Amino acid sequence: MIPPMPSVHARNTLSGLVLILFISGCSVLDLAGTQPEGPTPEEDTTTGESRQPDCQWQATRGVAQLVEKLNGKARFEFFPGEQSVKAPYHSDWRQGEEFKAVLRQSDREGCGPEIDIMESLEPT
């Protein structure tokens, strides 16, 4: 005796469930080495330069003191927090000089910290 054929509705439902399981199962797979951890710098196709990843910054206003100059970079001590940060050096800055500054930090890998030096606190 031949078993009865399932109804068209039952076959479509079963096919739909199998398709959904297949699609959702593929998205759960973690293929090692296919996706980098965290954001990575992207190359700007117009200039060929690398860009910072999409960072979500937290800005803190404070004071930055120029501690030393090394190879075209300046090392600042930022307050509050006593954090050491590097920035491009300008020849008119003097060691020990203090500046108004904004420290930008992110929790994302590959992002900062960065410092924006505003103006000197020294009288002109």
PDB file of N, CA and C in Angstrom:
ATOM      1  N   MET A   1       0.831  -1.172   0.000  1.00  0.00           N
ATOM      2  CA  MET A   1       0.000   0.000   0.000  1.00  0.00           C
ATOM      3  C   MET A   1       0.881   1.243   0.000  1.00  0.00           C
ATOM      4  N   ILE A   2       0.552   2.184  -0.825  1.00  0.00           N
ATOM      5  CA  ILE A   2       1.301   3.423  -0.983  1.00  0.00           C
ATOM      6  C   ILE A   2       0.744   4.437   0.018  1.00  0.00           C
ATOM      7  N   PRO A   3       1.682   5.064   0.806  1.00  0.00           N
ATOM      8  CA  PRO A   3       1.190   6.067   1.756  1.00  0.00           C
ATOM      9  C   PRO A   3       0.628   7.268   1.010  1.00  0.00           C
ATOM     10  N   PRO A   4      -0.363   7.948   1.595  1.00  0.00           N
ATOM     11  CA  PRO A   4      -0.957   9.105   0.935  1.00  0.00           C
ATOM     12  C   PRO A   4       0.041  10.252   0.835  1.00  0.00           C
ATOM     13  N   MET A   5      -0.045  11.050  -0.198  1.00  0.00           N
ATOM     14  CA  MET A   5       0.823  12.207  -0.414  1.00  0.00           C
ATOM     15  C   MET A   5       0.405  13.323   0.539  1.00  0.00           C
ATOM     16  N   PRO A   6       1.394  14.042   1.138  1.00  0.00           N
ATOM     17  CA  PRO A   6       1.016  15.172   1.984  1.00  0.00           C
ATOM     18  C   PRO A   6       0.366  16.258   1.132  1.00  0.00           C
ATOM     19  N   SER A   7      -0.444  17.041   1.764  1.00  0.00           N
ATOM     20  CA  SER A   7      -1.135  18.102   1.036  1.00  0.00           C
ATOM     21  C   SER A   7      -0.137  19.154   0.560  1.00  0.00           C
ATOM     22  N   VAL A   8      -0.517  19.934  -0.412  1.00  0.00           N
ATOM     23  CA  VAL A   8       0.333  20.988  -0.964  1.00  0.00           C
ATOM     24  C   VAL A   8       0.679  21.999   0.124  1.00  0.00           C
ATOM     25  N   HIS A   9      -0.280  22.316   0.972  1.00  0.00           N
ATOM     26  CA  HIS A   9      -0.052  23.284   2.065  1.00  0.00           C
ATOM     27  C   HIS A   9       1.019  22.776   3.025  1.00  0.00           C
ATOM     28  N   ALA A  10       0.977  21.496   3.368  1.00  0.00           N
ATOM     29  CA  ALA A  10       1.954  20.916   4.289  1.00  0.00           C
ATOM     30  C   ALA A  10       3.345  20.917   3.663  1.00  0.00           C
ATOM     31  N   ARG A  11       3.443  20.602   2.354  1.00  0.00           N
ATOM     32  CA  ARG A  11       4.748  20.612   1.680  1.00  0.00           C
ATOM     33  C   ARG A  11       5.327  22.017   1.620  1.00  0.00           C
ATOM     34  N   ASN A  12       4.504  23.033   1.329  1.00  0.00           N
ATOM     35  CA  ASN A  12       4.983  24.418   1.270  1.00  0.00           C
ATOM     36  C   ASN A  12       5.447  24.902   2.649  1.00  0.00           C
ATOM     37  N   THR A  13       4.711  24.522   3.689  1.00  0.00           N
ATOM     38  CA  THR A  13       5.094  24.908   5.045  1.00  0.00           C
ATOM     39  C   THR A  13       6.426  24.272   5.406  1.00  0.00           C
ATOM     40  N   LEU A  14       6.573  22.996   5.129  1.00  0.00           N
ATOM     41  CA  LEU A  14       7.817  22.285   5.430  1.00  0.00           C
ATOM     42  C   LEU A  14       8.981  22.875   4.636  1.00  0.00           C
ATOM     43  N   SER A  15       8.780  23.167   3.379  1.00  0.00           N
ATOM     44  CA  SER A  15       9.831  23.772   2.550  1.00  0.00           C
ATOM     45  C   SER A  15      10.220  25.141   3.090  1.00  0.00           C
ATOM     46  N   GLY A  16       9.230  25.915   3.522  1.00  0.00           N
ATOM     47  CA  GLY A  16       9.499  27.239   4.081  1.00  0.00           C
ATOM     48  C   GLY A  16      10.316  27.158   5.356  1.00  0.00           C
ATOM     49  N   LEU A  17       9.988  26.182   6.226  1.00  0.00           N
ATOM     50  CA  LEU A  17      10.739  26.013   7.473  1.00  0.00           C
ATOM     51  C   LEU A  17      12.184  25.607   7.205  1.00  0.00           C
ATOM     52  N   VAL A  18      12.382  24.698   6.268  1.00  0.00           N
ATOM     53  CA  VAL A  18      13.736  24.262   5.915  1.00  0.00           C
ATOM     54  C   VAL A  18      14.533  25.447   5.372  1.00  0.00           C
ATOM     55  N   LEU A  19      13.933  26.251   4.529  1.00  0.00           N
ATOM     56  CA  LEU A  19      14.610  27.416   3.968  1.00  0.00           C
ATOM     57  C   LEU A  19      14.983  28.419   5.060  1.00  0.00           C
ATOM     58  N   ILE A  20      14.077  28.694   5.975  1.00  0.00           N
ATOM     59  CA  ILE A  20      14.350  29.625   7.082  1.00  0.00           C
ATOM     60  C   ILE A  20      15.477  29.104   7.961  1.00  0.00           C
ATOM     61  N   LEU A  21      15.455  27.819   8.298  1.00  0.00           N
ATOM     62  CA  LEU A  21      16.527  27.239   9.107  1.00  0.00           C
ATOM     63  C   LEU A  21      17.880  27.323   8.402  1.00  0.00           C
ATOM     64  N   PHE A  22      17.880  27.067   7.100  1.00  0.00           N
ATOM     65  CA  PHE A  22      19.120  27.132   6.339  1.00  0.00           C
ATOM     66  C   PHE A  22      19.694  28.545   6.343  1.00  0.00           C
ATOM     67  N   ILE A  23      18.861  29.533   6.072  1.00  0.00           N
ATOM     68  CA  ILE A  23      19.317  30.925   6.009  1.00  0.00           C
ATOM     69  C   ILE A  23      19.777  31.411   7.376  1.00  0.00           C
ATOM     70  N   SER A  24      19.001  31.142   8.416  1.00  0.00           N
ATOM     71  CA  SER A  24      19.392  31.626   9.748  1.00  0.00           C
ATOM     72  C   SER A  24      20.614  30.891  10.266  1.00  0.00           C
ATOM     73  N   GLY A  25      20.779  29.623   9.897  1.00  0.00           N
ATOM     74  CA  GLY A  25      21.950  28.862  10.330  1.00  0.00           C
ATOM     75  C   GLY A  25      23.231  29.406   9.731  1.00  0.00           C
ATOM     76  N   CYS A  26      23.183  29.894   8.496  1.00  0.00           N
ATOM     77  CA  CYS A  26      24.374  30.448   7.841  1.00  0.00           C
ATOM     78  C   CYS A  26      24.821  31.739   8.512  1.00  0.00           C
ATOM     79  N   SER A  27      23.874  32.520   9.006  1.00  0.00           N
ATOM     80  CA  SER A  27      24.256  33.788   9.614  1.00  0.00           C
ATOM     81  C   SER A  27      24.867  33.599  10.993  1.00  0.00           C
ATOM     82  N   VAL A  28      24.676  32.443  11.606  1.00  0.00           N
ATOM     83  CA  VAL A  28      25.204  32.188  12.937  1.00  0.00           C
ATOM     84  C   VAL A  28      26.637  31.677  12.868  1.00  0.00           C
ATOM     85  N   LEU A  29      27.024  31.089  11.742  1.00  0.00           N
ATOM     86  CA  LEU A  29      28.367  30.531  11.618  1.00  0.00           C
ATOM     87  C   LEU A  29      29.419  31.606  11.794  1.00  0.00           C
ATOM     88  N   ASP A  30      30.466  31.282  12.554  1.00  0.00           N
ATOM     89  CA  ASP A  30      31.584  32.206  12.741  1.00  0.00           C
ATOM     90  C   ASP A  30      32.775  31.617  11.995  1.00  0.00           C
ATOM     91  N   LEU A  31      33.038  32.136  10.826  1.00  0.00           N
ATOM     92  CA  LEU A  31      34.151  31.646  10.038  1.00  0.00           C
ATOM     93  C   LEU A  31      35.403  32.389  10.453  1.00  0.00           C
ATOM     94  N   ALA A  32      36.307  31.719  11.150  1.00  0.00           N
ATOM     95  CA  ALA A  32      37.515  32.346  11.682  1.00  0.00           C
ATOM     96  C   ALA A  32      38.331  32.958  10.568  1.00  0.00           C
ATOM     97  N   GLY A  33      38.771  34.184  10.792  1.00  0.00           N
ATOM     98  CA  GLY A  33      39.637  34.867   9.859  1.00  0.00           C
ATOM     99  C   GLY A  33      38.932  35.588   8.736  1.00  0.00           C
ATOM    100  N   THR A  34      37.615  35.511   8.651  1.00  0.00           N
ATOM    101  CA  THR A  34      36.936  36.179   7.555  1.00  0.00           C
ATOM    102  C   THR A  34      36.592  37.615   7.892  1.00  0.00           C
ATOM    103  N   GLN A  35      36.416  37.941   9.147  1.00  0.00           N
ATOM    104  CA  GLN A  35      36.062  39.298   9.550  1.00  0.00           C
ATOM    105  C   GLN A  35      37.082  39.782  10.572  1.00  0.00           C
ATOM    106  N   PRO A  36      37.696  40.965  10.387  1.00  0.00           N
ATOM    107  CA  PRO A  36      38.651  41.476  11.356  1.00  0.00           C
ATOM    108  C   PRO A  36      37.943  41.883  12.640  1.00  0.00           C
ATOM    109  N   GLU A  37      38.690  41.816  13.731  1.00  0.00           N
ATOM    110  CA  GLU A  37      38.166  42.257  15.017  1.00  0.00           C
ATOM    111  C   GLU A  37      38.162  43.771  15.070  1.00  0.00           C
ATOM    112  N   GLY A  38      37.040  44.381  15.391  1.00  0.00           N
ATOM    113  CA  GLY A  38      36.936  45.829  15.551  1.00  0.00           C
ATOM    114  C   GLY A  38      37.107  46.567  14.233  1.00  0.00           C
ATOM    115  N   PRO A  39      36.954  47.888  14.289  1.00  0.00           N
ATOM    116  CA  PRO A  39      37.083  48.672  13.063  1.00  0.00           C
ATOM    117  C   PRO A  39      38.534  48.755  12.605  1.00  0.00           C
ATOM    118  N   THR A  40      38.738  48.838  11.314  1.00  0.00           N
ATOM    119  CA  THR A  40      40.077  48.995  10.777  1.00  0.00           C
ATOM    120  C   THR A  40      40.095  50.229   9.892  1.00  0.00           C
ATOM    121  N   PRO A  41      41.253  50.842   9.752  1.00  0.00           N
ATOM    122  CA  PRO A  41      41.313  52.005   8.865  1.00  0.00           C
ATOM    123  C   PRO A  41      40.933  51.606   7.449  1.00  0.00           C
ATOM    124  N   GLU A  42      40.179  52.451   6.789  1.00  0.00           N
ATOM    125  CA  GLU A  42      39.761  52.197   5.414  1.00  0.00           C
ATOM    126  C   GLU A  42      40.550  53.115   4.496  1.00  0.00           C
ATOM    127  N   GLU A  43      40.763  52.666   3.262  1.00  0.00           N
ATOM    128  CA  GLU A  43      41.498  53.486   2.316  1.00  0.00           C
ATOM    129  C   GLU A  43      40.535  54.371   1.549  1.00  0.00           C
ATOM    130  N   ASP A  44      40.855  55.661   1.482  1.00  0.00           N
ATOM    131  CA  ASP A  44      40.060  56.616   0.716  1.00  0.00           C
ATOM    132  C   ASP A  44      40.430  56.426  -0.742  1.00  0.00           C
ATOM    133  N   THR A  45      39.468  56.036  -1.548  1.00  0.00           N
ATOM    134  CA  THR A  45      39.764  55.729  -2.955  1.00  0.00           C
ATOM    135  C   THR A  45      40.135  56.965  -3.758  1.00  0.00           C
ATOM    136  N   THR A  46      39.757  58.153  -3.293  1.00  0.00           N
ATOM    137  CA  THR A  46      40.094  59.363  -4.051  1.00  0.00           C
ATOM    138  C   THR A  46      41.519  59.818  -3.800  1.00  0.00           C
ATOM    139  N   THR A  47      42.023  59.658  -2.578  1.00  0.00           N
ATOM    140  CA  THR A  47      43.365  60.133  -2.265  1.00  0.00           C
ATOM    141  C   THR A  47      44.359  59.009  -2.019  1.00  0.00           C
ATOM    142  N   GLY A  48      43.871  57.780  -1.782  1.00  0.00           N
ATOM    143  CA  GLY A  48      44.770  56.668  -1.490  1.00  0.00           C
ATOM    144  C   GLY A  48      45.257  56.667  -0.054  1.00  0.00           C
ATOM    145  N   GLU A  49      44.776  57.607   0.774  1.00  0.00           N
ATOM    146  CA  GLU A  49      45.191  57.661   2.175  1.00  0.00           C
ATOM    147  C   GLU A  49      44.244  56.825   3.021  1.00  0.00           C
ATOM    148  N   SER A  50      44.764  56.363   4.177  1.00  0.00           N
ATOM    149  CA  SER A  50      43.892  55.573   5.032  1.00  0.00           C
ATOM    150  C   SER A  50      43.119  56.503   5.966  1.00  0.00           C
ATOM    151  N   ARG A  51      41.856  56.119   6.220  1.00  0.00           N
ATOM    152  CA  ARG A  51      40.995  56.908   7.102  1.00  0.00           C
ATOM    153  C   ARG A  51      40.809  56.156   8.403  1.00  0.00           C
ATOM    154  N   GLN A  52      40.512  56.895   9.470  1.00  0.00           N
ATOM    155  CA  GLN A  52      40.202  56.286  10.750  1.00  0.00           C
ATOM    156  C   GLN A  52      38.883  55.534  10.641  1.00  0.00           C
ATOM    157  N   PRO A  53      38.743  54.445  11.395  1.00  0.00           N
ATOM    158  CA  PRO A  53      37.460  53.755  11.425  1.00  0.00           C
ATOM    159  C   PRO A  53      36.393  54.652  12.045  1.00  0.00           C
ATOM    160  N   ASP A  54      35.149  54.249  11.933  1.00  0.00           N
ATOM    161  CA  ASP A  54      34.041  55.019  12.490  1.00  0.00           C
ATOM    162  C   ASP A  54      34.115  54.955  14.006  1.00  0.00           C
ATOM    163  N   CYS A  55      34.688  55.980  14.618  1.00  0.00           N
ATOM    164  CA  CYS A  55      34.867  56.024  16.067  1.00  0.00           C
ATOM    165  C   CYS A  55      33.789  56.901  16.689  1.00  0.00           C
ATOM    166  N   GLN A  56      33.322  56.500  17.843  1.00  0.00           N
ATOM    167  CA  GLN A  56      32.385  57.326  18.592  1.00  0.00           C
ATOM    168  C   GLN A  56      33.175  57.939  19.733  1.00  0.00           C
ATOM    169  N   TRP A  57      33.399  59.254  19.616  1.00  0.00           N
ATOM    170  CA  TRP A  57      34.300  59.948  20.520  1.00  0.00           C
ATOM    171  C   TRP A  57      33.572  60.516  21.735  1.00  0.00           C
ATOM    172  N   GLN A  58      34.289  60.549  22.852  1.00  0.00           N
ATOM    173  CA  GLN A  58      33.875  61.294  24.025  1.00  0.00           C
ATOM    174  C   GLN A  58      34.902  62.402  24.185  1.00  0.00           C
ATOM    175  N   ALA A  59      34.430  63.634  24.267  1.00  0.00           N
ATOM    176  CA  ALA A  59      35.344  64.775  24.352  1.00  0.00           C
ATOM    177  C   ALA A  59      35.399  65.286  25.782  1.00  0.00           C
ATOM    178  N   THR A  60      36.629  65.600  26.234  1.00  0.00           N
ATOM    179  CA  THR A  60      36.854  66.171  27.552  1.00  0.00           C
ATOM    180  C   THR A  60      37.685  67.425  27.383  1.00  0.00           C
ATOM    181  N   ARG A  61      37.171  68.550  27.866  1.00  0.00           N
ATOM    182  CA  ARG A  61      37.941  69.798  27.818  1.00  0.00           C
ATOM    183  C   ARG A  61      38.858  69.851  29.040  1.00  0.00           C
ATOM    184  N   GLY A  62      40.052  70.385  28.810  1.00  0.00           N
ATOM    185  CA  GLY A  62      41.006  70.476  29.903  1.00  0.00           C
ATOM    186  C   GLY A  62      42.220  71.286  29.503  1.00  0.00           C
ATOM    187  N   VAL A  63      43.326  70.981  30.184  1.00  0.00           N
ATOM    188  CA  VAL A  63      44.594  71.673  29.963  1.00  0.00           C
ATOM    189  C   VAL A  63      45.630  70.636  29.566  1.00  0.00           C
ATOM    190  N   ALA A  64      46.425  70.963  28.542  1.00  0.00           N
ATOM    191  CA  ALA A  64      47.502  70.087  28.102  1.00  0.00           C
ATOM    192  C   ALA A  64      48.826  70.825  28.273  1.00  0.00           C
ATOM    193  N   GLN A  65      49.771  70.158  28.920  1.00  0.00           N
ATOM    194  CA  GLN A  65      51.101  70.737  29.111  1.00  0.00           C
ATOM    195  C   GLN A  65      52.076  70.013  28.195  1.00  0.00           C
ATOM    196  N   LEU A  66      52.862  70.800  27.425  1.00  0.00           N
ATOM    197  CA  LEU A  66      53.864  70.235  26.527  1.00  0.00           C
ATOM    198  C   LEU A  66      55.019  69.693  27.357  1.00  0.00           C
ATOM    199  N   VAL A  67      55.199  68.380  27.325  1.00  0.00           N
ATOM    200  CA  VAL A  67      56.228  67.727  28.133  1.00  0.00           C
ATOM    201  C   VAL A  67      57.531  67.588  27.358  1.00  0.00           C
ATOM    202  N   GLU A  68      57.443  67.131  26.100  1.00  0.00           N
ATOM    203  CA  GLU A  68      58.652  66.980  25.289  1.00  0.00           C
ATOM    204  C   GLU A  68      58.315  66.950  23.810  1.00  0.00           C
ATOM    205  N   LYS A  69      59.346  67.188  23.012  1.00  0.00           N
ATOM    206  CA  LYS A  69      59.245  67.129  21.556  1.00  0.00           C
ATOM    207  C   LYS A  69      60.078  65.949  21.092  1.00  0.00           C
ATOM    208  N   LEU A  70      59.496  65.071  20.250  1.00  0.00           N
ATOM    209  CA  LEU A  70      60.236  63.941  19.707  1.00  0.00           C
ATOM    210  C   LEU A  70      59.908  63.726  18.240  1.00  0.00           C
ATOM    211  N   ASN A  71      60.877  63.856  17.373  1.00  0.00           N
ATOM    212  CA  ASN A  71      60.737  63.563  15.941  1.00  0.00           C
ATOM    213  C   ASN A  71      59.500  64.180  15.293  1.00  0.00           C
ATOM    214  N   GLY A  72      59.286  65.453  15.481  1.00  0.00           N
ATOM    215  CA  GLY A  72      58.152  66.133  14.867  1.00  0.00           C
ATOM    216  C   GLY A  72      56.836  65.969  15.596  1.00  0.00           C
ATOM    217  N   LYS A  73      56.854  65.255  16.697  1.00  0.00           N
ATOM    218  CA  LYS A  73      55.663  65.068  17.529  1.00  0.00           C
ATOM    219  C   LYS A  73      55.892  65.738  18.879  1.00  0.00           C
ATOM    220  N   ALA A  74      54.796  66.150  19.478  1.00  0.00           N
ATOM    221  CA  ALA A  74      54.857  66.723  20.821  1.00  0.00           C
ATOM    222  C   ALA A  74      54.112  65.780  21.755  1.00  0.00           C
ATOM    223  N   ARG A  75      54.694  65.531  22.928  1.00  0.00           N
ATOM    224  CA  ARG A  75      54.010  64.721  23.928  1.00  0.00           C
ATOM    225  C   ARG A  75      53.440  65.655  24.979  1.00  0.00           C
ATOM    226  N   PHE A  76      52.127  65.547  25.187  1.00  0.00           N
ATOM    227  CA  PHE A  76      51.421  66.377  26.147  1.00  0.00           C
ATOM    228  C   PHE A  76      50.951  65.538  27.320  1.00  0.00           C
ATOM    229  N   GLU A  77      50.886  66.169  28.480  1.00  0.00           N
ATOM    230  CA  GLU A  77      50.234  65.593  29.644  1.00  0.00           C
ATOM    231  C   GLU A  77      48.898  66.314  29.749  1.00  0.00           C
ATOM    232  N   PHE A  78      47.801  65.564  29.633  1.00  0.00           N
ATOM    233  CA  PHE A  78      46.470  66.161  29.630  1.00  0.00           C
ATOM    234  C   PHE A  78      45.858  66.053  31.021  1.00  0.00           C
ATOM    235  N   PHE A  79      45.261  67.158  31.479  1.00  0.00           N
ATOM    236  CA  PHE A  79      44.572  67.195  32.765  1.00  0.00           C
ATOM    237  C   PHE A  79      43.128  67.627  32.526  1.00  0.00           C
ATOM    238  N   PRO A  80      42.105  67.070  33.105  1.00  0.00           N
ATOM    239  CA  PRO A  80      42.150  66.074  34.180  1.00  0.00           C
ATOM    240  C   PRO A  80      42.468  64.681  33.632  1.00  0.00           C
ATOM    241  N   GLY A  81      42.984  63.861  34.507  1.00  0.00           N
ATOM    242  CA  GLY A  81      43.261  62.473  34.151  1.00  0.00           C
ATOM    243  C   GLY A  81      44.727  62.140  33.995  1.00  0.00           C
ATOM    244  N   GLU A  82      45.575  63.155  33.889  1.00  0.00           N
ATOM    245  CA  GLU A  82      47.020  62.943  33.732  1.00  0.00           C
ATOM    246  C   GLU A  82      47.319  61.881  32.667  1.00  0.00           C
ATOM    247  N   GLN A  83      46.764  62.061  31.485  1.00  0.00           N
ATOM    248  CA  GLN A  83      46.975  61.129  30.386  1.00  0.00           C
ATOM    249  C   GLN A  83      47.991  61.697  29.415  1.00  0.00           C
ATOM    250  N   SER A  84      48.923  60.842  28.978  1.00  0.00           N
ATOM    251  CA  SER A  84      49.942  61.241  28.019  1.00  0.00           C
ATOM    252  C   SER A  84      49.414  61.031  26.602  1.00  0.00           C
ATOM    253  N   VAL A  85      49.507  62.096  25.761  1.00  0.00           N
ATOM    254  CA  VAL A  85      48.975  62.053  24.400  1.00  0.00           C
ATOM    255  C   VAL A  85      49.969  62.731  23.461  1.00  0.00           C
ATOM    256  N   LYS A  86      50.110  62.192  22.234  1.00  0.00           N
ATOM    257  CA  LYS A  86      50.998  62.802  21.243  1.00  0.00           C
ATOM    258  C   LYS A  86      50.192  63.544  20.191  1.00  0.00           C
ATOM    259  N   ALA A  87      50.794  64.610  19.650  1.00  0.00           N
ATOM    260  CA  ALA A  87      50.184  65.419  18.599  1.00  0.00           C
ATOM    261  C   ALA A  87      51.305  65.996  17.734  1.00  0.00           C
ATOM    262  N   PRO A  88      50.990  66.460  16.523  1.00  0.00           N
ATOM    263  CA  PRO A  88      52.017  67.118  15.702  1.00  0.00           C
ATOM    264  C   PRO A  88      52.591  68.334  16.431  1.00  0.00           C
ATOM    265  N   TYR A  89      53.901  68.520  16.288  1.00  0.00           N
ATOM    266  CA  TYR A  89      54.607  69.600  16.984  1.00  0.00           C
ATOM    267  C   TYR A  89      54.619  70.866  16.131  1.00  0.00           C
ATOM    268  N   HIS A  90      54.445  72.014  16.799  1.00  0.00           N
ATOM    269  CA  HIS A  90      54.565  73.315  16.139  1.00  0.00           C
ATOM    270  C   HIS A  90      55.778  74.033  16.720  1.00  0.00           C
ATOM    271  N   SER A  91      56.575  74.627  15.858  1.00  0.00           N
ATOM    272  CA  SER A  91      57.856  75.208  16.277  1.00  0.00           C
ATOM    273  C   SER A  91      57.715  76.371  17.257  1.00  0.00           C
ATOM    274  N   ASP A  92      56.552  77.030  17.308  1.00  0.00           N
ATOM    275  CA  ASP A  92      56.411  78.159  18.235  1.00  0.00           C
ATOM    276  C   ASP A  92      56.009  77.721  19.643  1.00  0.00           C
ATOM    277  N   TRP A  93      55.827  76.420  19.879  1.00  0.00           N
ATOM    278  CA  TRP A  93      55.514  75.929  21.218  1.00  0.00           C
ATOM    279  C   TRP A  93      56.804  75.747  22.018  1.00  0.00           C
ATOM    280  N   ARG A  94      56.702  75.976  23.331  1.00  0.00           N
ATOM    281  CA  ARG A  94      57.856  75.796  24.222  1.00  0.00           C
ATOM    282  C   ARG A  94      57.560  74.697  25.244  1.00  0.00           C
ATOM    283  N   GLN A  95      58.593  73.951  25.592  1.00  0.00           N
ATOM    284  CA  GLN A  95      58.438  72.897  26.589  1.00  0.00           C
ATOM    285  C   GLN A  95      57.942  73.512  27.900  1.00  0.00           C
ATOM    286  N   GLY A  96      56.957  72.883  28.527  1.00  0.00           N
ATOM    287  CA  GLY A  96      56.374  73.382  29.771  1.00  0.00           C
ATOM    288  C   GLY A  96      55.169  74.294  29.551  1.00  0.00           C
ATOM    289  N   GLU A  97      54.963  74.751  28.304  1.00  0.00           N
ATOM    290  CA  GLU A  97      53.841  75.628  27.991  1.00  0.00           C
ATOM    291  C   GLU A  97      52.518  74.868  28.149  1.00  0.00           C
ATOM    292  N   GLU A  98      51.496  75.575  28.631  1.00  0.00           N
ATOM    293  CA  GLU A  98      50.179  74.967  28.823  1.00  0.00           C
ATOM    294  C   GLU A  98      49.183  75.534  27.824  1.00  0.00           C
ATOM    295  N   PHE A  99      48.251  74.677  27.392  1.00  0.00           N
ATOM    296  CA  PHE A  99      47.281  75.029  26.367  1.00  0.00           C
ATOM    297  C   PHE A  99      45.884  74.589  26.787  1.00  0.00           C
ATOM    298  N   LYS A 100      44.873  75.349  26.312  1.00  0.00           N
ATOM    299  CA  LYS A 100      43.510  74.841  26.376  1.00  0.00           C
ATOM    300  C   LYS A 100      43.459  73.710  25.364  1.00  0.00           C
ATOM    301  N   ALA A 101      42.792  72.605  25.721  1.00  0.00           N
ATOM    302  CA  ALA A 101      42.776  71.450  24.826  1.00  0.00           C
ATOM    303  C   ALA A 101      41.495  70.645  24.999  1.00  0.00           C
ATOM    304  N   VAL A 102      41.208  69.837  23.980  1.00  0.00           N
ATOM    305  CA  VAL A 102      40.092  68.891  24.027  1.00  0.00           C
ATOM    306  C   VAL A 102      40.676  67.512  23.737  1.00  0.00           C
ATOM    307  N   LEU A 103      40.470  66.592  24.676  1.00  0.00           N
ATOM    308  CA  LEU A 103      40.919  65.209  24.510  1.00  0.00           C
ATOM    309  C   LEU A 103      39.729  64.393  24.018  1.00  0.00           C
ATOM    310  N   ARG A 104      39.926  63.701  22.887  1.00  0.00           N
ATOM    311  CA  ARG A 104      38.871  62.843  22.342  1.00  0.00           C
ATOM    312  C   ARG A 104      39.293  61.394  22.527  1.00  0.00           C
ATOM    313  N   GLN A 105      38.406  60.608  23.158  1.00  0.00           N
ATOM    314  CA  GLN A 105      38.683  59.201  23.424  1.00  0.00           C
ATOM    315  C   GLN A 105      37.522  58.343  22.948  1.00  0.00           C
ATOM    316  N   SER A 106      37.837  57.083  22.613  1.00  0.00           N
ATOM    317  CA  SER A 106      36.823  56.133  22.172  1.00  0.00           C
ATOM    318  C   SER A 106      37.127  54.785  22.787  1.00  0.00           C
ATOM    319  N   ASP A 107      36.077  54.019  23.026  1.00  0.00           N
ATOM    320  CA  ASP A 107      36.240  52.663  23.540  1.00  0.00           C
ATOM    321  C   ASP A 107      36.521  51.661  22.429  1.00  0.00           C
ATOM    322  N   ARG A 108      36.383  52.094  21.173  1.00  0.00           N
ATOM    323  CA  ARG A 108      36.555  51.182  20.050  1.00  0.00           C
ATOM    324  C   ARG A 108      38.033  50.960  19.744  1.00  0.00           C
ATOM    325  N   GLU A 109      38.353  49.745  19.369  1.00  0.00           N
ATOM    326  CA  GLU A 109      39.725  49.382  19.023  1.00  0.00           C
ATOM    327  C   GLU A 109      40.165  50.141  17.779  1.00  0.00           C
ATOM    328  N   GLY A 110      41.379  50.663  17.792  1.00  0.00           N
ATOM    329  CA  GLY A 110      41.909  51.383  16.644  1.00  0.00           C
ATOM    330  C   GLY A 110      41.549  52.855  16.634  1.00  0.00           C
ATOM    331  N   CYS A 111      40.940  53.350  17.707  1.00  0.00           N
ATOM    332  CA  CYS A 111      40.487  54.738  17.767  1.00  0.00           C
ATOM    333  C   CYS A 111      41.189  55.478  18.898  1.00  0.00           C
ATOM    334  N   GLY A 112      42.083  56.395  18.550  1.00  0.00           N
ATOM    335  CA  GLY A 112      42.620  57.416  19.432  1.00  0.00           C
ATOM    336  C   GLY A 112      43.420  56.902  20.600  1.00  0.00           C
ATOM    337  N   PRO A 113      43.641  57.689  21.608  1.00  0.00           N
ATOM    338  CA  PRO A 113      43.077  59.017  21.851  1.00  0.00           C
ATOM    339  C   PRO A 113      43.699  60.080  20.949  1.00  0.00           C
ATOM    340  N   GLU A 114      42.959  61.159  20.761  1.00  0.00           N
ATOM    341  CA  GLU A 114      43.447  62.289  19.982  1.00  0.00           C
ATOM    342  C   GLU A 114      43.263  63.558  20.794  1.00  0.00           C
ATOM    343  N   ILE A 115      44.142  64.516  20.546  1.00  0.00           N
ATOM    344  CA  ILE A 115      44.055  65.776  21.279  1.00  0.00           C
ATOM    345  C   ILE A 115      44.005  66.941  20.288  1.00  0.00           C
ATOM    346  N   ASP A 116      43.137  67.893  20.579  1.00  0.00           N
ATOM    347  CA  ASP A 116      43.057  69.121  19.801  1.00  0.00           C
ATOM    348  C   ASP A 116      43.579  70.245  20.684  1.00  0.00           C
ATOM    349  N   ILE A 117      44.681  70.872  20.279  1.00  0.00           N
ATOM    350  CA  ILE A 117      45.264  71.976  21.024  1.00  0.00           C
ATOM    351  C   ILE A 117      44.599  73.253  20.543  1.00  0.00           C
ATOM    352  N   MET A 118      44.019  74.007  21.473  1.00  0.00           N
ATOM    353  CA  MET A 118      43.257  75.206  21.102  1.00  0.00           C
ATOM    354  C   MET A 118      44.133  76.463  21.123  1.00  0.00           C
ATOM    355  N   GLU A 119      44.502  76.893  22.300  1.00  0.00           N
ATOM    356  CA  GLU A 119      45.308  78.123  22.412  1.00  0.00           C
ATOM    357  C   GLU A 119      46.145  78.053  23.683  1.00  0.00           C
ATOM    358  N   SER A 120      47.224  78.821  23.674  1.00  0.00           N
ATOM    359  CA  SER A 120      48.125  78.832  24.818  1.00  0.00           C
ATOM    360  C   SER A 120      47.470  79.574  25.988  1.00  0.00           C
ATOM    361  N   LEU A 121      47.768  79.100  27.191  1.00  0.00           N
ATOM    362  CA  LEU A 121      47.320  79.792  28.405  1.00  0.00           C
ATOM    363  C   LEU A 121      48.330  80.827  28.858  1.00  0.00           C
ATOM    364  N   GLU A 122      49.485  80.853  28.188  1.00  0.00           N
ATOM    365  CA  GLU A 122      50.532  81.826  28.510  1.00  0.00           C
ATOM    366  C   GLU A 122      50.123  83.202  28.006  1.00  0.00           C
ATOM    367  N   PRO A 123      50.384  84.244  28.779  1.00  0.00           N
ATOM    368  CA  PRO A 123      50.067  85.596  28.286  1.00  0.00           C
ATOM    369  C   PRO A 123      50.943  85.942  27.096  1.00  0.00           C
ATOM    370  N   THR A 124      50.378  86.669  26.144  1.00  0.00           N
ATOM    371  CA  THR A 124      51.132  87.022  24.933  1.00  0.00           C
ATOM    372  C   THR A 124      51.808  88.373  25.071  1.00  0.00           C
TER     373      THR A 124
END
